[in-house]
Amino acid sequence: MKKYSKKDRQMKLQVAIEENPFITDEQLAEKFGVSVQTIRLDRVALSIPELRERIKHVASVNYADAVKSLPIDEVIGEIIDIQLSKSAISIFDVRSEHVFKRNKIARGHHLFAQANSLATAVIPNKLALTTQATVRFVRSVYEGERIIAKAKVRPATDNRAITIVDVKSYVGDEIVLKGKFEMYHATQK
């Protein structure tokens, strides 16, 4: 692994974060062959916010006006991509307040809330409500894990005001939740 001078590392760090604002400090530390603490110090010196703040910024700039069915700050997790009536992706970091204290397993309602709010957000109407949900928890999620939820809207089969949204949530490449959400929406957009 090539060692960079502090100045070169900081320049390359800035470029790496501009190219991928969702890169973690751990990934950057591995990329540059330094400690996570060194990356954090470099970010502070460059006035680059931590990952959570970068995600919020990208979401607020890119998607605040796109989501019509609920305010962006009511979405559980951070939306990182959305195409109304088609698909959406959000990230949720499981922290200590989201888990049972004795075993550090995430409480199911947080996983459900992320999936449900993503299914709601992808509907292009001002009013979108969950009429029915079928959810299967595939494996436990633990404190410190990152959940990536992906929603896909099924093609409409008739003119009903119900849209079906399938959501799969992952930790890494492993599915942790599968859900089918039937979303009622007003027909006007």
N, C-alpha and C. Protein backbone atom coordinates (compact mmCIF):
# COMPACT_ATOMS: atom_id res chain seq x y z
N MET A 1 0.85 -1.18 0.00
CA MET A 1 0.00 0.00 0.00
C MET A 1 0.89 1.24 0.00
N LYS A 2 0.57 2.13 -0.89
CA LYS A 2 1.35 3.36 -1.01
C LYS A 2 1.06 4.29 0.17
N LYS A 3 2.09 4.85 0.75
CA LYS A 3 1.93 5.84 1.82
C LYS A 3 1.89 7.22 1.18
N TYR A 4 0.93 8.02 1.63
CA TYR A 4 0.79 9.37 1.12
C TYR A 4 1.25 10.36 2.18
N SER A 5 1.74 11.50 1.72
CA SER A 5 2.01 12.57 2.68
C SER A 5 0.66 13.06 3.18
N LYS A 6 0.66 13.75 4.30
CA LYS A 6 -0.61 14.24 4.87
C LYS A 6 -1.36 15.09 3.86
N LYS A 7 -0.65 15.98 3.19
CA LYS A 7 -1.28 16.88 2.22
C LYS A 7 -1.89 16.09 1.06
N ASP A 8 -1.12 15.13 0.50
CA ASP A 8 -1.63 14.31 -0.60
C ASP A 8 -2.83 13.48 -0.16
N ARG A 9 -2.73 12.89 1.04
CA ARG A 9 -3.82 12.05 1.55
C ARG A 9 -5.09 12.88 1.69
N GLN A 10 -4.96 14.09 2.23
CA GLN A 10 -6.13 14.93 2.43
C GLN A 10 -6.75 15.34 1.09
N MET A 11 -5.91 15.61 0.10
CA MET A 11 -6.44 15.95 -1.23
C MET A 11 -7.19 14.76 -1.82
N LYS A 12 -6.59 13.58 -1.72
CA LYS A 12 -7.21 12.37 -2.27
C LYS A 12 -8.46 11.98 -1.47
N LEU A 13 -8.44 12.25 -0.17
CA LEU A 13 -9.59 12.01 0.69
C LEU A 13 -10.78 12.87 0.24
N GLN A 14 -10.50 14.13 -0.02
CA GLN A 14 -11.54 15.05 -0.46
C GLN A 14 -12.16 14.58 -1.78
N VAL A 15 -11.32 14.14 -2.70
CA VAL A 15 -11.80 13.66 -4.00
C VAL A 15 -12.63 12.38 -3.80
N ALA A 16 -12.15 11.48 -2.95
CA ALA A 16 -12.86 10.21 -2.71
C ALA A 16 -14.25 10.48 -2.14
N ILE A 17 -14.37 11.43 -1.24
CA ILE A 17 -15.67 11.74 -0.63
C ILE A 17 -16.58 12.47 -1.63
N GLU A 18 -16.01 13.32 -2.47
CA GLU A 18 -16.82 13.98 -3.50
C GLU A 18 -17.38 12.96 -4.48
N GLU A 19 -16.57 11.95 -4.83
CA GLU A 19 -17.01 10.91 -5.76
C GLU A 19 -18.05 10.00 -5.13
N ASN A 20 -17.91 9.71 -3.83
CA ASN A 20 -18.84 8.83 -3.14
C ASN A 20 -19.10 9.38 -1.74
N PRO A 21 -20.12 10.24 -1.59
CA PRO A 21 -20.38 10.83 -0.27
C PRO A 21 -20.83 9.81 0.77
N PHE A 22 -21.13 8.58 0.35
CA PHE A 22 -21.60 7.55 1.28
C PHE A 22 -20.48 6.63 1.76
N ILE A 23 -19.25 6.93 1.41
CA ILE A 23 -18.12 6.11 1.85
C ILE A 23 -17.90 6.33 3.35
N THR A 24 -17.63 5.24 4.06
CA THR A 24 -17.46 5.33 5.51
C THR A 24 -16.02 5.67 5.87
N ASP A 25 -15.82 6.13 7.11
CA ASP A 25 -14.47 6.40 7.59
C ASP A 25 -13.64 5.11 7.60
N GLU A 26 -14.27 3.99 7.91
CA GLU A 26 -13.56 2.71 7.92
C GLU A 26 -13.07 2.34 6.52
N GLN A 27 -13.93 2.56 5.52
CA GLN A 27 -13.53 2.27 4.13
C GLN A 27 -12.40 3.19 3.69
N LEU A 28 -12.47 4.45 4.10
CA LEU A 28 -11.41 5.40 3.75
C LEU A 28 -10.09 5.03 4.43
N ALA A 29 -10.18 4.61 5.69
CA ALA A 29 -8.97 4.22 6.42
C ALA A 29 -8.30 3.04 5.72
N GLU A 30 -9.10 2.09 5.29
CA GLU A 30 -8.56 0.93 4.58
C GLU A 30 -7.95 1.35 3.24
N LYS A 31 -8.64 2.22 2.53
CA LYS A 31 -8.17 2.69 1.22
C LYS A 31 -6.82 3.39 1.30
N PHE A 32 -6.64 4.20 2.37
CA PHE A 32 -5.41 4.98 2.50
C PHE A 32 -4.38 4.35 3.44
N GLY A 33 -4.72 3.21 4.04
CA GLY A 33 -3.77 2.52 4.90
C GLY A 33 -3.43 3.28 6.17
N VAL A 34 -4.44 3.96 6.73
CA VAL A 34 -4.25 4.71 7.98
C VAL A 34 -5.36 4.32 8.94
N SER A 35 -5.30 4.84 10.15
CA SER A 35 -6.33 4.53 11.15
C SER A 35 -7.59 5.35 10.87
N VAL A 36 -8.69 4.87 11.43
CA VAL A 36 -9.96 5.58 11.33
C VAL A 36 -9.83 6.96 11.98
N GLN A 37 -9.10 7.02 13.09
CA GLN A 37 -8.90 8.29 13.79
C GLN A 37 -8.17 9.30 12.89
N THR A 38 -7.21 8.85 12.11
CA THR A 38 -6.49 9.73 11.19
C THR A 38 -7.46 10.29 10.14
N ILE A 39 -8.33 9.43 9.63
CA ILE A 39 -9.33 9.88 8.65
C ILE A 39 -10.25 10.92 9.28
N ARG A 40 -10.68 10.68 10.52
CA ARG A 40 -11.56 11.64 11.20
C ARG A 40 -10.86 12.98 11.40
N LEU A 41 -9.60 12.92 11.77
CA LEU A 41 -8.84 14.17 11.94
C LEU A 41 -8.69 14.90 10.61
N ASP A 42 -8.43 14.15 9.54
CA ASP A 42 -8.34 14.76 8.21
C ASP A 42 -9.66 15.41 7.81
N ARG A 43 -10.78 14.71 8.06
CA ARG A 43 -12.09 15.27 7.72
C ARG A 43 -12.34 16.57 8.47
N VAL A 44 -12.00 16.58 9.77
CA VAL A 44 -12.19 17.78 10.58
C VAL A 44 -11.34 18.92 10.03
N ALA A 45 -10.09 18.61 9.69
CA ALA A 45 -9.19 19.64 9.15
C ALA A 45 -9.71 20.21 7.83
N LEU A 46 -10.39 19.36 7.06
CA LEU A 46 -10.93 19.78 5.76
C LEU A 46 -12.38 20.29 5.86
N SER A 47 -12.93 20.31 7.07
CA SER A 47 -14.32 20.70 7.30
C SER A 47 -15.31 19.84 6.52
N ILE A 48 -15.03 18.54 6.46
CA ILE A 48 -15.92 17.58 5.81
C ILE A 48 -16.73 16.91 6.91
N PRO A 49 -18.05 16.98 6.84
CA PRO A 49 -18.87 16.40 7.91
C PRO A 49 -18.80 14.87 7.92
N GLU A 50 -19.23 14.29 9.04
CA GLU A 50 -19.28 12.84 9.16
C GLU A 50 -20.32 12.28 8.19
N LEU A 51 -20.28 10.97 7.99
CA LEU A 51 -21.14 10.30 7.02
C LEU A 51 -22.61 10.63 7.20
N ARG A 52 -23.12 10.54 8.42
CA ARG A 52 -24.55 10.80 8.66
C ARG A 52 -24.95 12.18 8.15
N GLU A 53 -24.14 13.19 8.42
CA GLU A 53 -24.45 14.55 7.96
C GLU A 53 -24.35 14.66 6.44
N ARG A 54 -23.37 13.96 5.84
CA ARG A 54 -23.25 13.99 4.37
C ARG A 54 -24.49 13.36 3.73
N ILE A 55 -24.96 12.25 4.30
CA ILE A 55 -26.15 11.58 3.77
C ILE A 55 -27.36 12.50 3.87
N LYS A 56 -27.55 13.14 5.03
CA LYS A 56 -28.67 14.06 5.21
C LYS A 56 -28.61 15.19 4.20
N HIS A 57 -27.41 15.71 3.97
CA HIS A 57 -27.25 16.81 3.03
C HIS A 57 -27.63 16.37 1.61
N VAL A 58 -27.11 15.22 1.17
CA VAL A 58 -27.41 14.73 -0.17
C VAL A 58 -28.91 14.50 -0.31
N ALA A 59 -29.51 13.88 0.71
CA ALA A 59 -30.95 13.60 0.67
C ALA A 59 -31.76 14.89 0.61
N SER A 60 -31.41 15.87 1.43
CA SER A 60 -32.19 17.10 1.46
C SER A 60 -32.05 17.88 0.16
N VAL A 61 -30.86 17.87 -0.43
CA VAL A 61 -30.65 18.59 -1.69
C VAL A 61 -31.35 17.88 -2.84
N ASN A 62 -31.22 16.55 -2.90
CA ASN A 62 -31.71 15.81 -4.06
C ASN A 62 -33.17 15.37 -3.99
N TYR A 63 -33.67 15.08 -2.78
CA TYR A 63 -34.95 14.39 -2.71
C TYR A 63 -36.04 15.10 -1.92
N ALA A 64 -35.74 16.20 -1.28
CA ALA A 64 -36.74 16.87 -0.44
C ALA A 64 -37.98 17.25 -1.24
N ASP A 65 -37.81 17.73 -2.45
CA ASP A 65 -38.95 18.12 -3.26
C ASP A 65 -39.58 16.94 -4.01
N ALA A 66 -38.83 15.85 -4.14
CA ALA A 66 -39.33 14.70 -4.88
C ALA A 66 -40.38 13.93 -4.09
N VAL A 67 -40.16 13.79 -2.80
CA VAL A 67 -41.07 13.02 -1.97
C VAL A 67 -42.31 13.86 -1.68
N LYS A 68 -43.47 13.37 -2.10
CA LYS A 68 -44.71 14.13 -1.95
C LYS A 68 -45.60 13.58 -0.86
N SER A 69 -45.50 12.28 -0.58
CA SER A 69 -46.46 11.63 0.30
C SER A 69 -46.20 11.85 1.79
N LEU A 70 -45.00 12.28 2.14
CA LEU A 70 -44.70 12.61 3.54
C LEU A 70 -43.48 13.51 3.57
N PRO A 71 -43.33 14.32 4.62
CA PRO A 71 -42.15 15.18 4.72
C PRO A 71 -40.88 14.32 4.79
N ILE A 72 -39.82 14.77 4.15
CA ILE A 72 -38.57 14.00 4.08
C ILE A 72 -38.04 13.65 5.46
N ASP A 73 -38.28 14.51 6.45
CA ASP A 73 -37.77 14.22 7.79
C ASP A 73 -38.62 13.18 8.53
N GLU A 74 -39.74 12.76 7.94
CA GLU A 74 -40.54 11.69 8.53
C GLU A 74 -40.19 10.32 7.95
N VAL A 75 -39.32 10.28 6.96
CA VAL A 75 -38.85 9.01 6.42
C VAL A 75 -37.87 8.42 7.42
N ILE A 76 -38.07 7.15 7.75
CA ILE A 76 -37.16 6.48 8.68
C ILE A 76 -35.97 5.99 7.86
N GLY A 77 -34.79 6.43 8.23
CA GLY A 77 -33.60 6.17 7.43
C GLY A 77 -33.37 7.37 6.51
N GLU A 78 -32.30 7.30 5.78
CA GLU A 78 -31.94 8.40 4.86
C GLU A 78 -32.13 7.93 3.42
N ILE A 79 -32.99 8.61 2.67
CA ILE A 79 -33.19 8.26 1.26
C ILE A 79 -31.95 8.65 0.48
N ILE A 80 -31.40 7.69 -0.25
CA ILE A 80 -30.23 7.99 -1.07
C ILE A 80 -30.53 7.93 -2.56
N ASP A 81 -31.70 7.37 -2.91
CA ASP A 81 -32.11 7.37 -4.31
C ASP A 81 -33.62 7.17 -4.35
N ILE A 82 -34.28 7.89 -5.25
CA ILE A 82 -35.73 7.70 -5.41
C ILE A 82 -36.14 8.06 -6.82
N GLN A 83 -36.95 7.20 -7.40
CA GLN A 83 -37.61 7.46 -8.68
C GLN A 83 -39.09 7.18 -8.41
N LEU A 84 -39.86 8.24 -8.27
CA LEU A 84 -41.27 8.08 -7.92
C LEU A 84 -41.97 7.10 -8.85
N SER A 85 -42.84 6.29 -8.27
CA SER A 85 -43.61 5.26 -8.98
C SER A 85 -42.75 4.11 -9.48
N LYS A 86 -41.47 4.10 -9.15
CA LYS A 86 -40.59 3.03 -9.64
C LYS A 86 -39.80 2.37 -8.53
N SER A 87 -38.89 3.13 -7.90
CA SER A 87 -38.01 2.51 -6.91
C SER A 87 -37.43 3.57 -5.98
N ALA A 88 -36.90 3.08 -4.85
CA ALA A 88 -36.26 3.96 -3.88
C ALA A 88 -35.31 3.14 -3.03
N ILE A 89 -34.31 3.82 -2.47
CA ILE A 89 -33.33 3.17 -1.60
C ILE A 89 -33.11 4.08 -0.39
N SER A 90 -33.04 3.46 0.79
CA SER A 90 -32.70 4.22 1.99
C SER A 90 -31.70 3.45 2.84
N ILE A 91 -31.00 4.20 3.69
CA ILE A 91 -30.00 3.64 4.61
C ILE A 91 -30.44 3.93 6.03
N PHE A 92 -30.28 2.94 6.90
CA PHE A 92 -30.61 3.12 8.32
C PHE A 92 -29.50 2.47 9.14
N ASP A 93 -28.82 3.28 9.97
CA ASP A 93 -27.77 2.77 10.84
C ASP A 93 -28.38 2.41 12.19
N VAL A 94 -28.19 1.17 12.62
CA VAL A 94 -28.75 0.70 13.88
C VAL A 94 -27.84 1.14 15.02
N ARG A 95 -28.40 1.98 15.90
CA ARG A 95 -27.63 2.50 17.04
C ARG A 95 -28.20 1.94 18.33
N SER A 96 -27.59 2.30 19.43
CA SER A 96 -27.96 1.73 20.73
C SER A 96 -29.42 1.98 21.09
N GLU A 97 -29.99 3.10 20.65
CA GLU A 97 -31.39 3.38 20.99
C GLU A 97 -32.38 2.55 20.18
N HIS A 98 -31.89 1.80 19.18
CA HIS A 98 -32.76 0.99 18.33
C HIS A 98 -32.77 -0.49 18.72
N VAL A 99 -32.00 -0.87 19.73
CA VAL A 99 -31.82 -2.29 20.05
C VAL A 99 -32.30 -2.63 21.46
N PHE A 100 -32.55 -3.93 21.67
CA PHE A 100 -32.80 -4.43 23.02
C PHE A 100 -31.47 -4.39 23.76
N LYS A 101 -31.48 -3.91 24.98
CA LYS A 101 -30.23 -3.73 25.74
C LYS A 101 -29.50 -5.04 26.02
N ARG A 102 -30.25 -6.11 26.31
CA ARG A 102 -29.59 -7.35 26.75
C ARG A 102 -28.89 -8.12 25.64
N ASN A 103 -29.38 -8.01 24.39
CA ASN A 103 -28.76 -8.81 23.32
C ASN A 103 -28.34 -7.99 22.10
N LYS A 104 -28.57 -6.68 22.12
CA LYS A 104 -28.15 -5.77 21.05
C LYS A 104 -28.81 -6.06 19.70
N ILE A 105 -29.97 -6.75 19.73
CA ILE A 105 -30.72 -7.03 18.51
C ILE A 105 -31.68 -5.86 18.27
N ALA A 106 -31.74 -5.41 17.01
CA ALA A 106 -32.61 -4.29 16.65
C ALA A 106 -34.07 -4.66 16.87
N ARG A 107 -34.83 -3.72 17.38
CA ARG A 107 -36.26 -3.92 17.56
C ARG A 107 -36.92 -3.91 16.17
N GLY A 108 -37.81 -4.87 15.96
CA GLY A 108 -38.42 -5.07 14.66
C GLY A 108 -39.16 -3.87 14.11
N HIS A 109 -39.73 -3.07 15.01
CA HIS A 109 -40.51 -1.94 14.49
C HIS A 109 -39.63 -0.91 13.78
N HIS A 110 -38.34 -0.87 14.08
CA HIS A 110 -37.46 0.05 13.35
C HIS A 110 -37.24 -0.43 11.91
N LEU A 111 -37.04 -1.74 11.74
CA LEU A 111 -36.89 -2.29 10.40
C LEU A 111 -38.17 -2.11 9.59
N PHE A 112 -39.31 -2.38 10.25
CA PHE A 112 -40.60 -2.21 9.59
C PHE A 112 -40.81 -0.74 9.21
N ALA A 113 -40.50 0.17 10.13
CA ALA A 113 -40.70 1.60 9.87
C ALA A 113 -39.88 2.09 8.69
N GLN A 114 -38.64 1.61 8.58
CA GLN A 114 -37.81 2.00 7.44
C GLN A 114 -38.46 1.52 6.14
N ALA A 115 -38.86 0.25 6.10
CA ALA A 115 -39.46 -0.32 4.90
C ALA A 115 -40.79 0.36 4.56
N ASN A 116 -41.63 0.57 5.57
CA ASN A 116 -42.95 1.17 5.35
C ASN A 116 -42.83 2.62 4.89
N SER A 117 -41.94 3.39 5.51
CA SER A 117 -41.82 4.79 5.10
C SER A 117 -41.22 4.90 3.70
N LEU A 118 -40.36 3.96 3.32
CA LEU A 118 -39.81 3.96 1.96
C LEU A 118 -40.91 3.62 0.95
N ALA A 119 -41.76 2.65 1.29
CA ALA A 119 -42.90 2.29 0.42
C ALA A 119 -43.84 3.48 0.26
N THR A 120 -44.00 4.26 1.31
CA THR A 120 -44.86 5.45 1.25
C THR A 120 -44.20 6.54 0.40
N ALA A 121 -42.90 6.74 0.62
CA ALA A 121 -42.18 7.82 -0.07
C ALA A 121 -42.16 7.64 -1.59
N VAL A 122 -42.16 6.41 -2.07
CA VAL A 122 -42.05 6.16 -3.51
C VAL A 122 -43.37 6.43 -4.25
N ILE A 123 -44.46 6.58 -3.52
CA ILE A 123 -45.76 6.90 -4.13
C ILE A 123 -45.78 8.40 -4.47
N PRO A 124 -46.12 8.75 -5.71
CA PRO A 124 -46.01 10.15 -6.14
C PRO A 124 -47.19 11.04 -5.76
N ASN A 125 -48.03 10.62 -4.83
CA ASN A 125 -49.21 11.40 -4.45
C ASN A 125 -49.03 12.03 -3.08
N LYS A 126 -49.81 13.07 -2.83
CA LYS A 126 -49.74 13.73 -1.52
C LYS A 126 -50.28 12.84 -0.41
N LEU A 127 -51.22 11.97 -0.74
CA LEU A 127 -51.78 11.06 0.24
C LEU A 127 -51.43 9.63 -0.14
N ALA A 128 -50.71 8.95 0.74
CA ALA A 128 -50.39 7.54 0.55
C ALA A 128 -50.43 6.87 1.91
N LEU A 129 -51.25 5.83 2.02
CA LEU A 129 -51.43 5.14 3.29
C LEU A 129 -51.27 3.64 3.09
N THR A 130 -50.68 2.98 4.07
CA THR A 130 -50.53 1.53 4.01
C THR A 130 -51.86 0.90 4.39
N THR A 131 -52.44 0.10 3.48
CA THR A 131 -53.68 -0.59 3.80
C THR A 131 -53.41 -1.99 4.31
N GLN A 132 -52.32 -2.60 3.84
CA GLN A 132 -51.97 -3.94 4.28
C GLN A 132 -50.48 -4.15 4.05
N ALA A 133 -49.85 -4.86 4.97
CA ALA A 133 -48.43 -5.17 4.82
C ALA A 133 -48.19 -6.62 5.23
N THR A 134 -47.40 -7.29 4.44
CA THR A 134 -46.95 -8.64 4.78
C THR A 134 -45.44 -8.55 4.87
N VAL A 135 -44.91 -8.79 6.07
CA VAL A 135 -43.49 -8.62 6.30
C VAL A 135 -42.91 -9.90 6.88
N ARG A 136 -41.75 -10.27 6.39
CA ARG A 136 -41.03 -11.43 6.93
C ARG A 136 -39.64 -10.98 7.36
N PHE A 137 -39.34 -11.17 8.64
CA PHE A 137 -38.01 -10.87 9.15
C PHE A 137 -37.16 -12.11 8.90
N VAL A 138 -36.10 -11.98 8.13
CA VAL A 138 -35.30 -13.12 7.70
C VAL A 138 -34.21 -13.45 8.72
N ARG A 139 -33.58 -12.42 9.25
CA ARG A 139 -32.56 -12.63 10.29
C ARG A 139 -32.49 -11.42 11.20
N SER A 140 -31.94 -11.62 12.38
CA SER A 140 -31.79 -10.52 13.34
C SER A 140 -30.76 -9.53 12.84
N VAL A 141 -30.99 -8.27 13.19
CA VAL A 141 -30.04 -7.19 12.87
C VAL A 141 -29.50 -6.68 14.19
N TYR A 142 -28.21 -6.37 14.23
CA TYR A 142 -27.56 -6.00 15.47
C TYR A 142 -27.08 -4.55 15.46
N GLU A 143 -26.87 -4.04 16.66
CA GLU A 143 -26.34 -2.69 16.82
C GLU A 143 -25.05 -2.54 16.01
N GLY A 144 -24.93 -1.42 15.33
CA GLY A 144 -23.73 -1.15 14.53
C GLY A 144 -23.87 -1.57 13.07
N GLU A 145 -24.92 -2.32 12.74
CA GLU A 145 -25.10 -2.74 11.35
C GLU A 145 -25.86 -1.67 10.58
N ARG A 146 -25.64 -1.63 9.28
CA ARG A 146 -26.32 -0.68 8.39
C ARG A 146 -27.32 -1.45 7.53
N ILE A 147 -28.56 -0.98 7.56
CA ILE A 147 -29.62 -1.61 6.77
C ILE A 147 -29.85 -0.77 5.52
N ILE A 148 -29.81 -1.42 4.38
CA ILE A 148 -30.12 -0.76 3.11
C ILE A 148 -31.44 -1.34 2.62
N ALA A 149 -32.46 -0.50 2.56
CA ALA A 149 -33.78 -0.93 2.11
C ALA A 149 -33.97 -0.49 0.65
N LYS A 150 -34.50 -1.43 -0.15
CA LYS A 150 -34.74 -1.15 -1.56
C LYS A 150 -36.20 -1.43 -1.87
N ALA A 151 -36.89 -0.42 -2.35
CA ALA A 151 -38.31 -0.54 -2.70
C ALA A 151 -38.47 -0.58 -4.21
N LYS A 152 -39.36 -1.46 -4.66
CA LYS A 152 -39.69 -1.55 -6.09
C LYS A 152 -41.22 -1.53 -6.21
N VAL A 153 -41.72 -0.66 -7.07
CA VAL A 153 -43.15 -0.55 -7.29
C VAL A 153 -43.55 -1.55 -8.37
N ARG A 154 -44.56 -2.36 -8.08
CA ARG A 154 -45.06 -3.30 -9.09
C ARG A 154 -45.88 -2.53 -10.13
N PRO A 155 -45.84 -3.00 -11.38
CA PRO A 155 -46.67 -2.35 -12.41
C PRO A 155 -48.15 -2.44 -12.03
N ALA A 156 -48.89 -1.39 -12.32
CA ALA A 156 -50.32 -1.36 -12.02
C ALA A 156 -51.05 -2.37 -12.90
N THR A 157 -52.00 -3.09 -12.29
CA THR A 157 -52.76 -4.08 -13.06
C THR A 157 -54.16 -3.59 -13.40
N ASP A 158 -54.60 -2.53 -12.74
CA ASP A 158 -55.91 -1.96 -13.03
C ASP A 158 -55.91 -0.49 -12.58
N ASN A 159 -57.05 0.12 -12.57
CA ASN A 159 -57.14 1.54 -12.23
C ASN A 159 -57.41 1.79 -10.75
N ARG A 160 -57.29 0.76 -9.94
CA ARG A 160 -57.54 0.94 -8.50
C ARG A 160 -56.54 1.93 -7.90
N ALA A 161 -56.91 2.46 -6.77
CA ALA A 161 -56.04 3.41 -6.08
C ALA A 161 -55.13 2.67 -5.09
N ILE A 162 -54.77 1.43 -5.45
CA ILE A 162 -53.86 0.64 -4.62
C ILE A 162 -52.63 0.32 -5.46
N THR A 163 -51.48 0.59 -4.91
CA THR A 163 -50.21 0.24 -5.56
C THR A 163 -49.46 -0.71 -4.63
N ILE A 164 -48.88 -1.73 -5.20
CA ILE A 164 -48.10 -2.68 -4.40
C ILE A 164 -46.63 -2.34 -4.53
N VAL A 165 -45.99 -2.24 -3.37
CA VAL A 165 -44.56 -1.92 -3.30
C VAL A 165 -43.86 -3.06 -2.56
N ASP A 166 -42.88 -3.65 -3.21
CA ASP A 166 -42.06 -4.69 -2.58
C ASP A 166 -40.82 -4.03 -2.01
N VAL A 167 -40.49 -4.38 -0.77
CA VAL A 167 -39.29 -3.83 -0.12
C VAL A 167 -38.44 -4.99 0.37
N LYS A 168 -37.17 -4.92 0.06
CA LYS A 168 -36.20 -5.86 0.62
C LYS A 168 -35.14 -5.04 1.34
N SER A 169 -34.84 -5.46 2.56
CA SER A 169 -33.82 -4.78 3.36
C SER A 169 -32.62 -5.70 3.51
N TYR A 170 -31.45 -5.12 3.40
CA TYR A 170 -30.21 -5.88 3.42
C TYR A 170 -29.24 -5.34 4.47
N VAL A 171 -28.43 -6.24 4.99
CA VAL A 171 -27.21 -5.87 5.71
C VAL A 171 -26.11 -6.50 4.87
N GLY A 172 -25.32 -5.66 4.22
CA GLY A 172 -24.36 -6.18 3.25
C GLY A 172 -25.14 -6.79 2.10
N ASP A 173 -24.81 -8.04 1.75
CA ASP A 173 -25.52 -8.74 0.68
C ASP A 173 -26.62 -9.66 1.21
N GLU A 174 -26.82 -9.66 2.51
CA GLU A 174 -27.74 -10.59 3.15
C GLU A 174 -29.11 -9.93 3.39
N ILE A 175 -30.17 -10.58 2.93
CA ILE A 175 -31.52 -10.06 3.14
C ILE A 175 -31.90 -10.25 4.61
N VAL A 176 -32.41 -9.18 5.22
CA VAL A 176 -32.85 -9.26 6.62
C VAL A 176 -34.36 -9.06 6.76
N LEU A 177 -35.01 -8.48 5.73
CA LEU A 177 -36.45 -8.26 5.76
C LEU A 177 -36.98 -8.28 4.33
N LYS A 178 -38.14 -8.93 4.16
CA LYS A 178 -38.87 -8.89 2.89
C LYS A 178 -40.26 -8.40 3.21
N GLY A 179 -40.75 -7.45 2.44
CA GLY A 179 -42.08 -6.93 2.70
C GLY A 179 -42.85 -6.62 1.43
N LYS A 180 -44.16 -6.82 1.52
CA LYS A 180 -45.09 -6.44 0.45
C LYS A 180 -46.05 -5.44 1.08
N PHE A 181 -46.07 -4.23 0.56
CA PHE A 181 -46.90 -3.16 1.11
C PHE A 181 -47.96 -2.76 0.08
N GLU A 182 -49.22 -2.83 0.49
CA GLU A 182 -50.31 -2.35 -0.37
C GLU A 182 -50.59 -0.92 0.05
N MET A 183 -50.34 0.00 -0.88
CA MET A 183 -50.44 1.42 -0.57
C MET A 183 -51.67 2.02 -1.25
N TYR A 184 -52.57 2.60 -0.43
CA TYR A 184 -53.69 3.35 -0.97
C TYR A 184 -53.18 4.76 -1.26
N HIS A 185 -53.62 5.31 -2.38
CA HIS A 185 -53.23 6.69 -2.69
C HIS A 185 -54.37 7.38 -3.42
N ALA A 186 -54.46 8.65 -3.19
CA ALA A 186 -55.46 9.45 -3.90
C ALA A 186 -55.08 9.44 -5.37
N THR A 187 -56.07 9.41 -6.24
CA THR A 187 -55.78 9.30 -7.66
C THR A 187 -55.20 10.57 -8.26
N GLN A 188 -55.41 11.73 -7.63
CA GLN A 188 -54.83 12.95 -8.14
C GLN A 188 -53.38 13.05 -7.67
N LYS A 189 -52.52 13.62 -8.49
CA LYS A 189 -51.10 13.71 -8.16
C LYS A 189 -50.72 15.11 -7.80
